Amino acid sequence: MAKIKNIKKIVLANSGSGADAVVTYVNEGPWSTAASVTVVELAGEFFAGEGASGNNWALDGTITDAVTTVVVTGTFGGSLPPQYEQSGYFGWSWPVMPPTDGRIMIGTEVIKYGTCTFSGNSAQDTDYTIATLTSCTRGDRGTTAAGHTDEDVVKEILIGQVSNMEYDTVEANFNVWTGTTQLYYEMAGTLGNIGAGLPPGVPAYVPRATQHLVPVSDASVTLYEVTGEQS
């Protein structure tokens, strides 16, 4: 059997822990509060530290663990000259952080922000270079609030769900498929619309589903659970 399907749960011992931590987790059953293991479950919450932050985002300035306004520098997309915005210019689309209620990660801390405001573009048709995040909740998603240093790496966090898990016995990997949603800011319309004299596009935030395949080495997995019969 090359692949074991219908996996509903895998349990991994965290760094510095061993199989005994997983045994403790199993013995405690559904009441387990063990922090020394990581449990990945089908339909469970998953977050990807990628998002729109592939453009080398960095923290602007040093912050303490209590600061609630965070400034990030990088490339955040931009705006087009008015003549293009009014014509439905084709190709205007880029991934962005949500304007409200998004999340970032600095180090091991997840920070939830209330509002994101972009600035720093030198001309109307250039990329924004500054994102100011306000009304931040520090230490979100069970992480620990901490101080961070100027130019620390910043990543956008996309919250999603685990959609499927399989064990590839040949590759010795547990393959975990997850789905998240990335927000794009784009202009509806094409060059064809312009030539046909159709109404111009309207700029809008558009959510798009994204899929992630996360391979987990079977050397890291101490326990897995399946549902149904294997064929």
C-alpha atoms as a PDB file:
ATOM      1  CA  MET A   1       0.000   0.000   0.000  1.00  0.00           C
ATOM      2  CA  ALA A   2       1.802   3.098  -1.245  1.00  0.00           C
ATOM      3  CA  LYS A   3      -0.562   5.599   0.349  1.00  0.00           C
ATOM      4  CA  ILE A   4      -2.653   5.510   3.490  1.00  0.00           C
ATOM      5  CA  LYS A   5      -5.681   7.744   3.088  1.00  0.00           C
ATOM      6  CA  ASN A   6      -8.509   9.030   5.276  1.00  0.00           C
ATOM      7  CA  ILE A   7      -6.131  10.224   7.974  1.00  0.00           C
ATOM      8  CA  LYS A   8      -7.978  12.412  10.441  1.00  0.00           C
ATOM      9  CA  LYS A   9      -5.230  13.224  12.927  1.00  0.00           C
ATOM     10  CA  ILE A  10      -1.440  13.235  13.262  1.00  0.00           C
ATOM     11  CA  VAL A  11       0.447  13.932  16.484  1.00  0.00           C
ATOM     12  CA  LEU A  12       3.998  15.287  16.534  1.00  0.00           C
ATOM     13  CA  ALA A  13       6.324  15.761  19.482  1.00  0.00           C
ATOM     14  CA  ASN A  14       7.494  19.358  19.629  1.00  0.00           C
ATOM     15  CA  SER A  15      11.166  20.292  19.542  1.00  0.00           C
ATOM     16  CA  GLY A  16      12.802  19.201  22.795  1.00  0.00           C
ATOM     17  CA  SER A  17      10.110  16.587  23.465  1.00  0.00           C
ATOM     18  CA  GLY A  18       9.938  12.895  22.626  1.00  0.00           C
ATOM     19  CA  ALA A  19       7.536  10.007  22.171  1.00  0.00           C
ATOM     20  CA  ASP A  20       6.756  10.058  25.908  1.00  0.00           C
ATOM     21  CA  ALA A  21       5.035  13.406  25.410  1.00  0.00           C
ATOM     22  CA  VAL A  22       2.753  11.834  22.811  1.00  0.00           C
ATOM     23  CA  VAL A  23       2.006   8.907  25.161  1.00  0.00           C
ATOM     24  CA  THR A  24       1.014  11.413  27.852  1.00  0.00           C
ATOM     25  CA  TYR A  25      -1.233  13.193  25.345  1.00  0.00           C
ATOM     26  CA  VAL A  26      -2.957   9.907  24.421  1.00  0.00           C
ATOM     27  CA  ASN A  27      -3.386   8.852  28.048  1.00  0.00           C
ATOM     28  CA  GLU A  28      -4.987  12.169  28.946  1.00  0.00           C
ATOM     29  CA  GLY A  29      -7.470  11.762  26.088  1.00  0.00           C
ATOM     30  CA  PRO A  30      -9.651  14.686  24.986  1.00  0.00           C
ATOM     31  CA  TRP A  31      -8.803  16.564  28.198  1.00  0.00           C
ATOM     32  CA  SER A  32      -5.124  16.762  27.347  1.00  0.00           C
ATOM     33  CA  THR A  33      -3.547  20.181  27.748  1.00  0.00           C
ATOM     34  CA  ALA A  34      -0.054  18.996  26.782  1.00  0.00           C
ATOM     35  CA  ALA A  35       1.960  21.817  25.258  1.00  0.00           C
ATOM     36  CA  SER A  36       4.768  19.466  24.230  1.00  0.00           C
ATOM     37  CA  VAL A  37       2.906  18.029  21.227  1.00  0.00           C
ATOM     38  CA  THR A  38       1.379  19.438  18.051  1.00  0.00           C
ATOM     39  CA  VAL A  39      -1.882  17.934  16.829  1.00  0.00           C
ATOM     40  CA  VAL A  40      -2.936  18.356  13.191  1.00  0.00           C
ATOM     41  CA  GLU A  41      -6.565  17.371  12.593  1.00  0.00           C
ATOM     42  CA  LEU A  42      -8.744  17.099   9.514  1.00  0.00           C
ATOM     43  CA  ALA A  43     -10.888  20.271   9.275  1.00  0.00           C
ATOM     44  CA  GLY A  44      -8.764  21.753  12.049  1.00  0.00           C
ATOM     45  CA  GLU A  45      -7.431  25.281  11.907  1.00  0.00           C
ATOM     46  CA  PHE A  46      -4.282  25.901   9.911  1.00  0.00           C
ATOM     47  CA  PHE A  47      -2.337  29.051   9.229  1.00  0.00           C
ATOM     48  CA  ALA A  48       0.209  29.735   6.515  1.00  0.00           C
ATOM     49  CA  GLY A  49       2.977  32.262   7.109  1.00  0.00           C
ATOM     50  CA  GLU A  50       3.152  33.355   3.495  1.00  0.00           C
ATOM     51  CA  GLY A  51       0.302  35.480   2.251  1.00  0.00           C
ATOM     52  CA  ALA A  52       1.165  38.705   0.472  1.00  0.00           C
ATOM     53  CA  SER A  53       4.433  39.015   2.393  1.00  0.00           C
ATOM     54  CA  GLY A  54       6.656  37.476  -0.271  1.00  0.00           C
ATOM     55  CA  ASN A  55       7.951  41.002  -0.903  1.00  0.00           C
ATOM     56  CA  ASN A  56      10.497  41.090   1.947  1.00  0.00           C
ATOM     57  CA  TRP A  57       8.441  42.820   4.614  1.00  0.00           C
ATOM     58  CA  ALA A  58      10.289  44.066   7.687  1.00  0.00           C
ATOM     59  CA  LEU A  59       9.478  45.737  10.981  1.00  0.00           C
ATOM     60  CA  ASP A  60      10.098  49.500  11.013  1.00  0.00           C
ATOM     61  CA  GLY A  61      11.608  50.315  14.395  1.00  0.00           C
ATOM     62  CA  THR A  62      11.980  48.403  17.655  1.00  0.00           C
ATOM     63  CA  ILE A  63       8.796  47.572  19.593  1.00  0.00           C
ATOM     64  CA  THR A  64       8.030  46.243  23.067  1.00  0.00           C
ATOM     65  CA  ASP A  65       5.593  43.455  23.879  1.00  0.00           C
ATOM     66  CA  ALA A  66       2.904  46.035  24.745  1.00  0.00           C
ATOM     67  CA  VAL A  67       2.942  48.255  21.643  1.00  0.00           C
ATOM     68  CA  THR A  68      -0.407  48.275  19.786  1.00  0.00           C
ATOM     69  CA  THR A  69       0.674  50.166  16.641  1.00  0.00           C
ATOM     70  CA  VAL A  70       3.088  48.323  14.365  1.00  0.00           C
ATOM     71  CA  VAL A  71       4.714  49.812  11.250  1.00  0.00           C
ATOM     72  CA  VAL A  72       5.899  47.486   8.475  1.00  0.00           C
ATOM     73  CA  THR A  73       8.016  48.379   5.440  1.00  0.00           C
ATOM     74  CA  GLY A  74       8.163  46.524   2.128  1.00  0.00           C
ATOM     75  CA  THR A  75       6.281  46.379  -1.161  1.00  0.00           C
ATOM     76  CA  PHE A  76       2.505  46.494  -0.820  1.00  0.00           C
ATOM     77  CA  GLY A  77       1.215  47.111  -4.344  1.00  0.00           C
ATOM     78  CA  GLY A  78       0.177  50.551  -5.463  1.00  0.00           C
ATOM     79  CA  SER A  79      -2.355  52.664  -7.303  1.00  0.00           C
ATOM     80  CA  LEU A  80      -2.726  53.467 -10.990  1.00  0.00           C
ATOM     81  CA  PRO A  81      -2.998  56.900 -12.588  1.00  0.00           C
ATOM     82  CA  PRO A  82      -6.616  58.129 -12.828  1.00  0.00           C
ATOM     83  CA  GLN A  83      -6.858  57.522 -16.573  1.00  0.00           C
ATOM     84  CA  TYR A  84      -6.213  53.823 -16.022  1.00  0.00           C
ATOM     85  CA  GLU A  85      -8.488  53.540 -12.990  1.00  0.00           C
ATOM     86  CA  GLN A  86     -11.298  54.999 -15.075  1.00  0.00           C
ATOM     87  CA  SER A  87     -10.713  52.702 -18.046  1.00  0.00           C
ATOM     88  CA  GLY A  88     -10.707  49.275 -16.425  1.00  0.00           C
ATOM     89  CA  TYR A  89      -7.028  48.725 -17.177  1.00  0.00           C
ATOM     90  CA  PHE A  90      -6.198  45.034 -17.596  1.00  0.00           C
ATOM     91  CA  GLY A  91      -3.692  43.414 -15.256  1.00  0.00           C
ATOM     92  CA  TRP A  92      -4.165  45.528 -12.149  1.00  0.00           C
ATOM     93  CA  SER A  93      -4.209  42.913  -9.394  1.00  0.00           C
ATOM     94  CA  TRP A  94      -1.979  42.226  -6.404  1.00  0.00           C
ATOM     95  CA  PRO A  95      -2.209  40.348  -3.100  1.00  0.00           C
ATOM     96  CA  VAL A  96      -2.727  42.596  -0.105  1.00  0.00           C
ATOM     97  CA  MET A  97      -3.247  42.440   3.623  1.00  0.00           C
ATOM     98  CA  PRO A  98      -6.898  42.890   4.637  1.00  0.00           C
ATOM     99  CA  PRO A  99      -7.748  46.522   5.475  1.00  0.00           C
ATOM    100  CA  THR A 100      -9.231  45.286   8.770  1.00  0.00           C
ATOM    101  CA  ASP A 101      -8.841  42.283  11.079  1.00  0.00           C
ATOM    102  CA  GLY A 102      -5.740  40.675   9.567  1.00  0.00           C
ATOM    103  CA  ARG A 103      -2.762  38.936  11.150  1.00  0.00           C
ATOM    104  CA  ILE A 104       1.009  39.047  10.856  1.00  0.00           C
ATOM    105  CA  MET A 105       3.814  37.021  12.432  1.00  0.00           C
ATOM    106  CA  ILE A 106       7.084  38.399  13.772  1.00  0.00           C
ATOM    107  CA  GLY A 107       9.399  35.727  15.114  1.00  0.00           C
ATOM    108  CA  THR A 108       7.063  33.278  16.855  1.00  0.00           C
ATOM    109  CA  GLU A 109       4.436  35.867  17.796  1.00  0.00           C
ATOM    110  CA  VAL A 110       1.169  36.250  15.911  1.00  0.00           C
ATOM    111  CA  ILE A 111      -0.240  39.789  16.005  1.00  0.00           C
ATOM    112  CA  LYS A 112      -3.836  40.573  15.075  1.00  0.00           C
ATOM    113  CA  TYR A 113      -4.459  44.125  13.877  1.00  0.00           C
ATOM    114  CA  GLY A 114      -7.644  46.153  13.696  1.00  0.00           C
ATOM    115  CA  THR A 115      -6.828  48.459  10.766  1.00  0.00           C
ATOM    116  CA  CYS A 116      -4.153  48.544   8.057  1.00  0.00           C
ATOM    117  CA  THR A 117      -3.316  51.840   6.313  1.00  0.00           C
ATOM    118  CA  PHE A 118      -0.891  52.054   3.375  1.00  0.00           C
ATOM    119  CA  SER A 119       1.358  55.023   2.590  1.00  0.00           C
ATOM    120  CA  GLY A 120       4.810  55.932   1.288  1.00  0.00           C
ATOM    121  CA  ASN A 121       4.242  55.796  -2.476  1.00  0.00           C
ATOM    122  CA  SER A 122       6.247  58.552  -4.135  1.00  0.00           C
ATOM    123  CA  ALA A 123       3.837  58.843  -7.064  1.00  0.00           C
ATOM    124  CA  GLN A 124       0.290  57.737  -7.704  1.00  0.00           C
ATOM    125  CA  ASP A 125       1.368  54.866  -9.922  1.00  0.00           C
ATOM    126  CA  THR A 126       4.087  53.440  -7.636  1.00  0.00           C
ATOM    127  CA  ASP A 127       3.968  50.804  -4.920  1.00  0.00           C
ATOM    128  CA  TYR A 128       3.150  51.640  -1.337  1.00  0.00           C
ATOM    129  CA  THR A 129       6.151  51.050   0.928  1.00  0.00           C
ATOM    130  CA  ILE A 130       4.665  51.491   4.423  1.00  0.00           C
ATOM    131  CA  ALA A 131       1.839  49.649   6.187  1.00  0.00           C
ATOM    132  CA  THR A 132       0.687  51.013   9.545  1.00  0.00           C
ATOM    133  CA  LEU A 133      -1.199  48.479  11.670  1.00  0.00           C
ATOM    134  CA  THR A 134      -3.279  49.856  14.542  1.00  0.00           C
ATOM    135  CA  SER A 135      -5.405  48.455  17.382  1.00  0.00           C
ATOM    136  CA  CYS A 136      -3.154  45.405  17.529  1.00  0.00           C
ATOM    137  CA  THR A 137      -3.811  42.394  19.776  1.00  0.00           C
ATOM    138  CA  ARG A 138      -0.443  41.020  20.857  1.00  0.00           C
ATOM    139  CA  GLY A 139       0.198  37.311  21.374  1.00  0.00           C
ATOM    140  CA  ASP A 140      -2.761  36.186  19.273  1.00  0.00           C
ATOM    141  CA  ARG A 141      -3.572  32.517  18.586  1.00  0.00           C
ATOM    142  CA  GLY A 142      -1.958  31.325  21.798  1.00  0.00           C
ATOM    143  CA  THR A 143       1.457  32.806  21.013  1.00  0.00           C
ATOM    144  CA  THR A 144       3.474  34.916  23.446  1.00  0.00           C
ATOM    145  CA  ALA A 145       3.809  38.681  23.059  1.00  0.00           C
ATOM    146  CA  ALA A 146       7.458  39.718  22.813  1.00  0.00           C
ATOM    147  CA  GLY A 147       9.669  42.647  21.938  1.00  0.00           C
ATOM    148  CA  HIS A 148      10.992  42.805  18.384  1.00  0.00           C
ATOM    149  CA  THR A 149      13.885  44.586  16.698  1.00  0.00           C
ATOM    150  CA  ASP A 150      14.049  46.968  13.759  1.00  0.00           C
ATOM    151  CA  GLU A 151      14.105  45.093  10.421  1.00  0.00           C
ATOM    152  CA  ASP A 152      12.855  41.789  11.890  1.00  0.00           C
ATOM    153  CA  VAL A 153      11.102  39.719   9.204  1.00  0.00           C
ATOM    154  CA  VAL A 154       7.307  40.155   9.033  1.00  0.00           C
ATOM    155  CA  LYS A 155       4.970  37.609   7.437  1.00  0.00           C
ATOM    156  CA  GLU A 156       1.258  37.755   6.723  1.00  0.00           C
ATOM    157  CA  ILE A 157      -0.709  34.954   8.379  1.00  0.00           C
ATOM    158  CA  LEU A 158      -3.538  33.328   6.411  1.00  0.00           C
ATOM    159  CA  ILE A 159      -6.037  31.386   8.518  1.00  0.00           C
ATOM    160  CA  GLY A 160      -7.546  28.293   6.931  1.00  0.00           C
ATOM    161  CA  GLN A 161      -8.443  24.636   7.399  1.00  0.00           C
ATOM    162  CA  VAL A 162      -6.799  21.258   6.863  1.00  0.00           C
ATOM    163  CA  SER A 163      -8.725  19.690   3.960  1.00  0.00           C
ATOM    164  CA  ASN A 164      -6.984  16.321   3.476  1.00  0.00           C
ATOM    165  CA  MET A 165      -4.159  14.182   4.856  1.00  0.00           C
ATOM    166  CA  GLU A 166      -2.416  11.137   3.374  1.00  0.00           C
ATOM    167  CA  TYR A 167       0.626   9.075   4.325  1.00  0.00           C
ATOM    168  CA  ASP A 168       2.929   8.396   1.382  1.00  0.00           C
ATOM    169  CA  THR A 169       4.852   5.339   2.576  1.00  0.00           C
ATOM    170  CA  VAL A 170       7.207   5.444  -0.422  1.00  0.00           C
ATOM    171  CA  GLU A 171       8.271   9.069   0.085  1.00  0.00           C
ATOM    172  CA  ALA A 172       8.047   8.672   3.882  1.00  0.00           C
ATOM    173  CA  ASN A 173       5.941  11.832   4.154  1.00  0.00           C
ATOM    174  CA  PHE A 174       2.581  12.743   5.593  1.00  0.00           C
ATOM    175  CA  ASN A 175       1.066  15.083   2.995  1.00  0.00           C
ATOM    176  CA  VAL A 176      -1.191  17.718   4.537  1.00  0.00           C
ATOM    177  CA  TRP A 177      -3.427  19.722   2.187  1.00  0.00           C
ATOM    178  CA  THR A 178      -4.784  22.987   3.495  1.00  0.00           C
ATOM    179  CA  GLY A 179      -6.914  25.795   2.152  1.00  0.00           C
ATOM    180  CA  THR A 180      -6.699  29.497   2.988  1.00  0.00           C
ATOM    181  CA  THR A 181      -7.974  32.725   1.448  1.00  0.00           C
ATOM    182  CA  GLN A 182      -5.725  35.480   0.096  1.00  0.00           C
ATOM    183  CA  LEU A 183      -7.159  38.948  -0.434  1.00  0.00           C
ATOM    184  CA  TYR A 184      -6.380  40.720  -3.732  1.00  0.00           C
ATOM    185  CA  TYR A 185      -6.936  44.353  -4.643  1.00  0.00           C
ATOM    186  CA  GLU A 186      -7.797  44.522  -8.326  1.00  0.00           C
ATOM    187  CA  MET A 187      -9.630  46.293 -11.111  1.00  0.00           C
ATOM    188  CA  ALA A 188     -12.409  44.396 -12.835  1.00  0.00           C
ATOM    189  CA  GLY A 189     -12.291  44.783 -16.617  1.00  0.00           C
ATOM    190  CA  THR A 190     -10.010  44.001 -19.562  1.00  0.00           C
ATOM    191  CA  LEU A 191      -8.488  45.809 -22.504  1.00  0.00           C
ATOM    192  CA  GLY A 192     -11.257  44.222 -24.537  1.00  0.00           C
ATOM    193  CA  ASN A 193     -13.813  46.058 -22.428  1.00  0.00           C
ATOM    194  CA  ILE A 194     -12.106  49.344 -23.216  1.00  0.00           C
ATOM    195  CA  GLY A 195     -12.103  48.730 -26.971  1.00  0.00           C
ATOM    196  CA  ALA A 196     -15.754  47.710 -26.885  1.00  0.00           C
ATOM    197  CA  GLY A 197     -16.733  50.844 -25.005  1.00  0.00           C
ATOM    198  CA  LEU A 198     -18.103  48.855 -22.073  1.00  0.00           C
ATOM    199  CA  PRO A 199     -18.439  50.411 -18.602  1.00  0.00           C
ATOM    200  CA  PRO A 200     -15.153  50.800 -16.728  1.00  0.00           C
ATOM    201  CA  GLY A 201     -14.080  48.354 -14.052  1.00  0.00           C
ATOM    202  CA  VAL A 202     -14.408  49.079 -10.360  1.00  0.00           C
ATOM    203  CA  PRO A 203     -11.474  48.603  -7.961  1.00  0.00           C
ATOM    204  CA  ALA A 204     -12.338  46.145  -5.209  1.00  0.00           C
ATOM    205  CA  TYR A 205     -10.954  43.705  -2.655  1.00  0.00           C
ATOM    206  CA  VAL A 206     -11.417  40.180  -4.016  1.00  0.00           C
ATOM    207  CA  PRO A 207     -10.832  37.038  -1.886  1.00  0.00           C
ATOM    208  CA  ARG A 208      -9.247  34.096  -3.690  1.00  0.00           C
ATOM    209  CA  ALA A 209      -8.925  30.561  -2.380  1.00  0.00           C
ATOM    210  CA  THR A 210      -5.362  29.310  -2.091  1.00  0.00           C
ATOM    211  CA  GLN A 211      -4.203  25.717  -1.592  1.00  0.00           C
ATOM    212  CA  HIS A 212      -1.092  24.561   0.261  1.00  0.00           C
ATOM    213  CA  LEU A 213       0.584  21.149   0.323  1.00  0.00           C
ATOM    214  CA  VAL A 214       2.657  20.721   3.462  1.00  0.00           C
ATOM    215  CA  PRO A 215       4.851  17.584   3.549  1.00  0.00           C
ATOM    216  CA  VAL A 216       5.652  16.343   7.066  1.00  0.00           C
ATOM    217  CA  SER A 217       8.410  13.753   7.439  1.00  0.00           C
ATOM    218  CA  ASP A 218       7.168  10.530   9.006  1.00  0.00           C
ATOM    219  CA  ALA A 219      10.186  10.719  11.308  1.00  0.00           C
ATOM    220  CA  SER A 220       8.431  13.649  13.009  1.00  0.00           C
ATOM    221  CA  VAL A 221       5.071  11.879  13.431  1.00  0.00           C
ATOM    222  CA  THR A 222       4.673   9.607  16.448  1.00  0.00           C
ATOM    223  CA  LEU A 223       0.997   8.775  16.027  1.00  0.00           C
ATOM    224  CA  TYR A 224      -1.645   8.993  13.331  1.00  0.00           C
ATOM    225  CA  GLU A 225      -5.323   8.064  13.237  1.00  0.00           C
ATOM    226  CA  VAL A 226      -7.426   7.012  10.240  1.00  0.00           C
ATOM    227  CA  THR A 227     -11.127   6.685   9.525  1.00  0.00           C
ATOM    228  CA  GLY A 228     -12.755   4.014   7.363  1.00  0.00           C
ATOM    229  CA  GLU A 229     -11.086   1.098   5.615  1.00  0.00           C
ATOM    230  CA  GLN A 230      -7.933   1.254   3.519  1.00  0.00           C
ATOM    231  CA  SER A 231      -7.895  -0.179   0.004  1.00  0.00           C
END
